[in-house]
Amino acid sequence: MNTITVIGNIGKDPESRVTTKGTPVVTFSVADNKKLPGTSGKSKEDWTSQWWYCTAFKELAEAIIQDVRRGDRVEVTGKIDMHEYTAKDGTQKVAYNLLVNRIAKVVRPVRANNGGFNNMGSEVADEEIPF
């Protein structure tokens, strides 16, 4: 089975269109960032991005166009579609597209300077936790 899951940030607002048969289609890109080997990860130059071009159809496309925006952190699952084409300069190229069948927003907690988490709500006593 050809399935991939990518977690990253939306590069720009998704773009929508409709096929000649009336099927909604949305396209967007996701940047999957990784730290370069041998670096501290503290500066922008310590990181590189892999860009994933994504396409969704029908109800999923409609949901994405309403709920997903540039900068959102998402988890996208789908199938890789590969196609070959001839570039303007005459060279043969290969393009990969992720055909989306599932997308979810990912929430990242904000760490406080003391190592805890910010904006986590009010404190709860241990005996109030039901498990």
N, C-alpha and C. Protein backbone atom coordinates (compact mmCIF):
# COMPACT_ATOMS: atom_id res chain seq x y z
N MET A 1 0.84 -1.18 0.00
CA MET A 1 0.00 0.00 0.00
C MET A 1 0.88 1.24 0.00
N ASN A 2 0.54 2.22 -0.80
CA ASN A 2 1.29 3.45 -0.95
C ASN A 2 0.65 4.54 -0.09
N THR A 3 1.10 4.67 1.16
CA THR A 3 0.56 5.68 2.07
C THR A 3 1.70 6.40 2.76
N ILE A 4 1.52 7.71 2.93
CA ILE A 4 2.52 8.51 3.61
C ILE A 4 1.81 9.49 4.54
N THR A 5 2.44 9.78 5.66
CA THR A 5 1.94 10.80 6.58
C THR A 5 3.02 11.84 6.75
N VAL A 6 2.64 13.10 6.58
CA VAL A 6 3.57 14.22 6.70
C VAL A 6 3.03 15.18 7.75
N ILE A 7 3.90 15.62 8.65
CA ILE A 7 3.53 16.65 9.62
C ILE A 7 4.38 17.87 9.31
N GLY A 8 3.71 19.00 9.14
CA GLY A 8 4.43 20.23 8.82
C GLY A 8 3.49 21.42 8.80
N ASN A 9 4.00 22.54 8.28
CA ASN A 9 3.24 23.78 8.24
C ASN A 9 2.76 24.08 6.83
N ILE A 10 1.54 24.61 6.72
CA ILE A 10 0.99 25.02 5.44
C ILE A 10 1.78 26.22 4.93
N GLY A 11 2.26 26.14 3.67
CA GLY A 11 3.10 27.19 3.10
C GLY A 11 2.35 28.45 2.72
N LYS A 12 1.17 28.30 2.13
CA LYS A 12 0.32 29.45 1.80
C LYS A 12 -1.12 28.97 1.81
N ASP A 13 -2.05 29.92 1.83
CA ASP A 13 -3.46 29.53 1.89
C ASP A 13 -3.78 28.57 0.75
N PRO A 14 -4.55 27.50 1.03
CA PRO A 14 -4.94 26.54 -0.01
C PRO A 14 -5.70 27.25 -1.14
N GLU A 15 -5.52 26.72 -2.36
CA GLU A 15 -6.20 27.27 -3.54
C GLU A 15 -7.24 26.27 -4.00
N SER A 16 -8.44 26.78 -4.32
CA SER A 16 -9.51 25.88 -4.74
C SER A 16 -9.92 26.14 -6.18
N ARG A 17 -10.48 25.11 -6.78
CA ARG A 17 -11.04 25.19 -8.12
C ARG A 17 -12.07 24.07 -8.25
N VAL A 18 -12.74 24.04 -9.37
CA VAL A 18 -13.75 23.02 -9.62
C VAL A 18 -13.44 22.40 -10.97
N THR A 19 -13.51 21.06 -11.07
CA THR A 19 -13.28 20.39 -12.35
C THR A 19 -14.45 20.66 -13.30
N THR A 20 -14.29 20.29 -14.55
CA THR A 20 -15.36 20.50 -15.54
C THR A 20 -16.61 19.71 -15.17
N LYS A 21 -16.45 18.65 -14.38
CA LYS A 21 -17.61 17.87 -13.94
C LYS A 21 -18.18 18.35 -12.61
N GLY A 22 -17.62 19.44 -12.07
CA GLY A 22 -18.14 20.03 -10.84
C GLY A 22 -17.53 19.52 -9.56
N THR A 23 -16.45 18.77 -9.63
CA THR A 23 -15.80 18.23 -8.42
C THR A 23 -14.88 19.28 -7.80
N PRO A 24 -15.08 19.62 -6.52
CA PRO A 24 -14.18 20.57 -5.85
C PRO A 24 -12.78 19.96 -5.69
N VAL A 25 -11.77 20.78 -5.94
CA VAL A 25 -10.36 20.38 -5.80
C VAL A 25 -9.64 21.49 -5.06
N VAL A 26 -8.77 21.11 -4.12
CA VAL A 26 -7.95 22.10 -3.42
C VAL A 26 -6.50 21.64 -3.48
N THR A 27 -5.59 22.60 -3.67
CA THR A 27 -4.16 22.32 -3.66
C THR A 27 -3.49 23.20 -2.61
N PHE A 28 -2.46 22.64 -1.99
CA PHE A 28 -1.70 23.37 -0.98
C PHE A 28 -0.35 22.70 -0.81
N SER A 29 0.56 23.37 -0.11
CA SER A 29 1.87 22.79 0.15
C SER A 29 2.12 22.75 1.65
N VAL A 30 2.91 21.75 2.05
CA VAL A 30 3.27 21.56 3.45
C VAL A 30 4.79 21.48 3.55
N ALA A 31 5.37 22.27 4.46
CA ALA A 31 6.81 22.24 4.70
C ALA A 31 7.10 21.34 5.89
N ASP A 32 7.89 20.31 5.64
CA ASP A 32 8.32 19.36 6.66
C ASP A 32 9.75 19.76 7.02
N ASN A 33 9.96 20.36 8.19
CA ASN A 33 11.26 20.88 8.58
C ASN A 33 12.09 19.84 9.32
N LYS A 34 13.40 19.85 9.05
CA LYS A 34 14.28 18.97 9.81
C LYS A 34 15.60 19.68 10.09
N LYS A 35 16.16 19.33 11.25
CA LYS A 35 17.43 19.91 11.67
C LYS A 35 18.56 19.28 10.87
N LEU A 36 19.49 20.10 10.41
CA LEU A 36 20.64 19.60 9.67
C LEU A 36 21.59 18.87 10.62
N PRO A 37 22.18 17.76 10.17
CA PRO A 37 23.11 17.01 11.03
C PRO A 37 24.29 17.88 11.47
N GLY A 38 24.70 17.71 12.70
CA GLY A 38 25.86 18.42 13.22
C GLY A 38 25.60 19.86 13.58
N THR A 39 24.34 20.28 13.66
CA THR A 39 24.02 21.65 14.04
C THR A 39 23.26 21.66 15.36
N SER A 40 23.18 22.83 15.97
CA SER A 40 22.50 22.95 17.27
C SER A 40 20.99 23.08 17.13
N GLY A 41 20.52 23.55 15.98
CA GLY A 41 19.09 23.76 15.79
C GLY A 41 18.60 25.07 16.36
N LYS A 42 19.52 25.91 16.81
CA LYS A 42 19.12 27.17 17.44
C LYS A 42 18.95 28.31 16.45
N SER A 43 19.54 28.20 15.26
CA SER A 43 19.39 29.28 14.28
C SER A 43 18.66 28.77 13.04
N LYS A 44 18.15 29.71 12.27
CA LYS A 44 17.38 29.39 11.06
C LYS A 44 18.22 28.58 10.06
N GLU A 45 19.51 28.85 10.00
CA GLU A 45 20.40 28.16 9.07
C GLU A 45 20.65 26.69 9.44
N ASP A 46 20.25 26.29 10.65
CA ASP A 46 20.42 24.91 11.12
C ASP A 46 19.32 23.98 10.61
N TRP A 47 18.35 24.53 9.88
CA TRP A 47 17.18 23.77 9.46
C TRP A 47 17.01 23.80 7.94
N THR A 48 16.39 22.75 7.41
CA THR A 48 16.05 22.69 6.00
C THR A 48 14.59 22.24 5.86
N SER A 49 13.97 22.56 4.74
CA SER A 49 12.56 22.21 4.52
C SER A 49 12.41 21.29 3.33
N GLN A 50 11.57 20.29 3.48
CA GLN A 50 11.13 19.43 2.38
C GLN A 50 9.70 19.87 2.09
N TRP A 51 9.42 20.26 0.85
CA TRP A 51 8.08 20.72 0.50
C TRP A 51 7.28 19.60 -0.12
N TRP A 52 6.06 19.44 0.35
CA TRP A 52 5.14 18.43 -0.16
C TRP A 52 3.96 19.15 -0.81
N TYR A 53 3.71 18.85 -2.07
CA TYR A 53 2.58 19.44 -2.79
C TYR A 53 1.41 18.48 -2.67
N CYS A 54 0.27 19.00 -2.22
CA CYS A 54 -0.87 18.18 -1.83
C CYS A 54 -2.12 18.56 -2.62
N THR A 55 -2.97 17.56 -2.89
CA THR A 55 -4.24 17.78 -3.58
C THR A 55 -5.32 16.98 -2.86
N ALA A 56 -6.47 17.62 -2.65
CA ALA A 56 -7.63 16.95 -2.04
C ALA A 56 -8.85 17.22 -2.91
N PHE A 57 -9.83 16.31 -2.83
CA PHE A 57 -11.02 16.38 -3.66
C PHE A 57 -12.29 16.33 -2.81
N LYS A 58 -13.39 16.73 -3.43
CA LYS A 58 -14.76 16.60 -2.92
C LYS A 58 -14.93 17.26 -1.55
N GLU A 59 -15.58 16.56 -0.61
CA GLU A 59 -15.91 17.13 0.69
C GLU A 59 -14.65 17.52 1.47
N LEU A 60 -13.60 16.73 1.35
CA LEU A 60 -12.36 17.04 2.05
C LEU A 60 -11.79 18.36 1.53
N ALA A 61 -11.85 18.57 0.23
CA ALA A 61 -11.37 19.83 -0.36
C ALA A 61 -12.16 21.01 0.19
N GLU A 62 -13.47 20.86 0.29
CA GLU A 62 -14.32 21.94 0.81
C GLU A 62 -14.00 22.24 2.27
N ALA A 63 -13.75 21.21 3.06
CA ALA A 63 -13.40 21.40 4.47
C ALA A 63 -12.05 22.10 4.61
N ILE A 64 -11.08 21.71 3.79
CA ILE A 64 -9.75 22.31 3.85
C ILE A 64 -9.82 23.78 3.51
N ILE A 65 -10.55 24.13 2.46
CA ILE A 65 -10.60 25.54 2.03
C ILE A 65 -11.24 26.41 3.11
N GLN A 66 -12.11 25.84 3.93
CA GLN A 66 -12.76 26.62 4.99
C GLN A 66 -11.93 26.68 6.28
N ASP A 67 -11.17 25.62 6.58
CA ASP A 67 -10.56 25.52 7.90
C ASP A 67 -9.03 25.63 7.95
N VAL A 68 -8.34 25.54 6.83
CA VAL A 68 -6.88 25.49 6.85
C VAL A 68 -6.31 26.79 6.28
N ARG A 69 -5.33 27.35 6.97
CA ARG A 69 -4.71 28.61 6.56
C ARG A 69 -3.19 28.50 6.59
N ARG A 70 -2.54 29.43 5.92
CA ARG A 70 -1.09 29.53 5.90
C ARG A 70 -0.56 29.53 7.33
N GLY A 71 0.47 28.73 7.57
CA GLY A 71 1.10 28.66 8.88
C GLY A 71 0.53 27.60 9.80
N ASP A 72 -0.67 27.08 9.50
CA ASP A 72 -1.24 26.03 10.34
C ASP A 72 -0.34 24.81 10.34
N ARG A 73 -0.19 24.19 11.50
CA ARG A 73 0.55 22.93 11.62
C ARG A 73 -0.46 21.81 11.39
N VAL A 74 -0.16 20.93 10.43
CA VAL A 74 -1.10 19.88 10.06
C VAL A 74 -0.41 18.53 9.95
N GLU A 75 -1.21 17.49 10.07
CA GLU A 75 -0.78 16.12 9.77
C GLU A 75 -1.61 15.68 8.56
N VAL A 76 -0.92 15.38 7.47
CA VAL A 76 -1.59 15.03 6.21
C VAL A 76 -1.24 13.58 5.87
N THR A 77 -2.25 12.78 5.56
CA THR A 77 -2.05 11.39 5.15
C THR A 77 -2.65 11.21 3.77
N GLY A 78 -1.94 10.48 2.93
CA GLY A 78 -2.44 10.24 1.58
C GLY A 78 -1.54 9.32 0.79
N LYS A 79 -1.75 9.33 -0.49
CA LYS A 79 -1.03 8.47 -1.42
C LYS A 79 -0.14 9.33 -2.31
N ILE A 80 1.08 8.86 -2.55
CA ILE A 80 2.00 9.59 -3.42
C ILE A 80 1.66 9.29 -4.88
N ASP A 81 1.51 10.36 -5.65
CA ASP A 81 1.26 10.25 -7.08
C ASP A 81 2.48 10.84 -7.79
N MET A 82 3.12 10.07 -8.64
CA MET A 82 4.30 10.52 -9.37
C MET A 82 3.96 10.66 -10.84
N HIS A 83 4.41 11.76 -11.45
CA HIS A 83 4.26 11.87 -12.89
C HIS A 83 5.49 12.55 -13.49
N GLU A 84 5.82 12.13 -14.69
CA GLU A 84 6.96 12.68 -15.41
C GLU A 84 6.46 13.74 -16.38
N TYR A 85 7.30 14.75 -16.61
CA TYR A 85 6.95 15.79 -17.56
C TYR A 85 8.22 16.37 -18.17
N THR A 86 8.04 17.11 -19.25
CA THR A 86 9.16 17.77 -19.91
C THR A 86 9.14 19.24 -19.53
N ALA A 87 10.23 19.72 -18.94
CA ALA A 87 10.33 21.11 -18.51
C ALA A 87 10.49 22.03 -19.73
N LYS A 88 10.35 23.31 -19.51
CA LYS A 88 10.48 24.30 -20.59
C LYS A 88 11.84 24.22 -21.28
N ASP A 89 12.87 23.82 -20.53
CA ASP A 89 14.21 23.73 -21.13
C ASP A 89 14.44 22.39 -21.84
N GLY A 90 13.41 21.54 -21.88
CA GLY A 90 13.50 20.28 -22.60
C GLY A 90 13.96 19.09 -21.77
N THR A 91 14.31 19.31 -20.52
CA THR A 91 14.77 18.22 -19.67
C THR A 91 13.57 17.46 -19.09
N GLN A 92 13.79 16.17 -18.85
CA GLN A 92 12.75 15.33 -18.24
C GLN A 92 12.78 15.54 -16.72
N LYS A 93 11.62 15.73 -16.13
CA LYS A 93 11.49 15.95 -14.69
C LYS A 93 10.48 14.98 -14.11
N VAL A 94 10.56 14.80 -12.81
CA VAL A 94 9.59 13.98 -12.08
C VAL A 94 8.98 14.86 -10.99
N ALA A 95 7.66 14.82 -10.88
CA ALA A 95 6.96 15.57 -9.84
C ALA A 95 6.19 14.59 -8.96
N TYR A 96 6.16 14.89 -7.68
CA TYR A 96 5.44 14.07 -6.71
C TYR A 96 4.33 14.91 -6.09
N ASN A 97 3.18 14.32 -5.93
CA ASN A 97 2.03 15.00 -5.35
C ASN A 97 1.41 14.05 -4.33
N LEU A 98 1.04 14.59 -3.17
CA LEU A 98 0.39 13.79 -2.15
C LEU A 98 -1.12 13.94 -2.33
N LEU A 99 -1.80 12.85 -2.69
CA LEU A 99 -3.25 12.84 -2.84
C LEU A 99 -3.85 12.60 -1.46
N VAL A 100 -4.42 13.63 -0.88
CA VAL A 100 -4.83 13.64 0.53
C VAL A 100 -6.12 12.85 0.74
N ASN A 101 -6.10 11.98 1.77
CA ASN A 101 -7.34 11.33 2.18
C ASN A 101 -7.67 11.64 3.64
N ARG A 102 -6.74 12.33 4.34
CA ARG A 102 -6.97 12.71 5.74
C ARG A 102 -6.08 13.88 6.09
N ILE A 103 -6.63 14.85 6.82
CA ILE A 103 -5.84 15.98 7.31
C ILE A 103 -6.35 16.36 8.69
N ALA A 104 -5.42 16.71 9.58
CA ALA A 104 -5.79 17.14 10.93
C ALA A 104 -4.84 18.24 11.36
N LYS A 105 -5.38 19.22 12.07
CA LYS A 105 -4.52 20.26 12.63
C LYS A 105 -3.78 19.68 13.83
N VAL A 106 -2.54 20.11 14.01
CA VAL A 106 -1.70 19.64 15.11
C VAL A 106 -1.49 20.80 16.07
N VAL A 107 -1.72 20.55 17.35
CA VAL A 107 -1.54 21.58 18.37
C VAL A 107 -0.19 21.38 19.02
N ARG A 108 0.60 22.44 19.08
CA ARG A 108 1.90 22.39 19.74
C ARG A 108 1.82 23.21 21.02
N PRO A 109 2.14 22.62 22.17
CA PRO A 109 2.12 23.40 23.41
C PRO A 109 3.26 24.42 23.41
N VAL A 110 3.04 25.52 24.08
CA VAL A 110 4.06 26.56 24.21
C VAL A 110 4.74 26.37 25.56
N ARG A 111 6.04 26.13 25.53
CA ARG A 111 6.78 25.91 26.78
C ARG A 111 7.10 27.25 27.45
N ALA A 112 6.93 27.27 28.75
CA ALA A 112 7.30 28.44 29.54
C ALA A 112 8.79 28.39 29.82
N ASN A 113 9.37 29.49 30.27
CA ASN A 113 10.80 29.53 30.58
C ASN A 113 11.19 28.57 31.69
N ASN A 114 10.23 28.20 32.54
CA ASN A 114 10.55 27.31 33.66
C ASN A 114 10.43 25.83 33.28
N GLY A 115 10.21 25.53 31.97
CA GLY A 115 10.12 24.15 31.53
C GLY A 115 8.71 23.60 31.51
N GLY A 116 7.76 24.34 32.11
CA GLY A 116 6.36 23.90 32.10
C GLY A 116 5.66 24.38 30.83
N PHE A 117 4.35 24.36 30.85
CA PHE A 117 3.58 24.79 29.69
C PHE A 117 2.75 26.02 30.03
N ASN A 118 2.64 26.93 29.07
CA ASN A 118 1.79 28.11 29.21
C ASN A 118 0.38 27.79 28.77
N ASN A 119 -0.58 28.57 29.23
CA ASN A 119 -1.97 28.49 28.78
C ASN A 119 -2.57 27.09 28.92
N MET A 120 -2.27 26.41 29.99
CA MET A 120 -2.79 25.06 30.17
C MET A 120 -4.03 25.05 31.05
N GLY A 121 -4.55 26.21 31.44
CA GLY A 121 -5.75 26.25 32.27
C GLY A 121 -5.40 26.28 33.74
N SER A 122 -6.42 26.05 34.57
CA SER A 122 -6.21 26.12 36.00
C SER A 122 -5.60 24.82 36.53
N GLU A 123 -5.00 24.93 37.70
CA GLU A 123 -4.34 23.78 38.31
C GLU A 123 -5.39 22.80 38.83
N VAL A 124 -5.12 21.50 38.69
CA VAL A 124 -6.02 20.45 39.13
C VAL A 124 -5.28 19.57 40.14
N ALA A 125 -5.95 19.25 41.25
CA ALA A 125 -5.35 18.39 42.26
C ALA A 125 -5.29 16.97 41.73
N ASP A 126 -4.24 16.22 42.08
CA ASP A 126 -4.06 14.84 41.61
C ASP A 126 -5.25 13.95 41.93
N GLU A 127 -5.87 14.15 43.09
CA GLU A 127 -7.00 13.28 43.46
C GLU A 127 -8.25 13.55 42.62
N GLU A 128 -8.28 14.63 41.85
CA GLU A 128 -9.42 14.94 40.98
C GLU A 128 -9.30 14.26 39.61
N ILE A 129 -8.13 13.72 39.29
CA ILE A 129 -7.92 13.06 38.01
C ILE A 129 -8.54 11.67 38.07
N PRO A 130 -9.43 11.31 37.13
CA PRO A 130 -10.19 10.06 37.23
C PRO A 130 -9.45 8.79 36.82
N PHE A 131 -8.20 8.84 36.53
CA PHE A 131 -7.48 7.62 36.12
C PHE A 131 -6.15 7.51 36.79
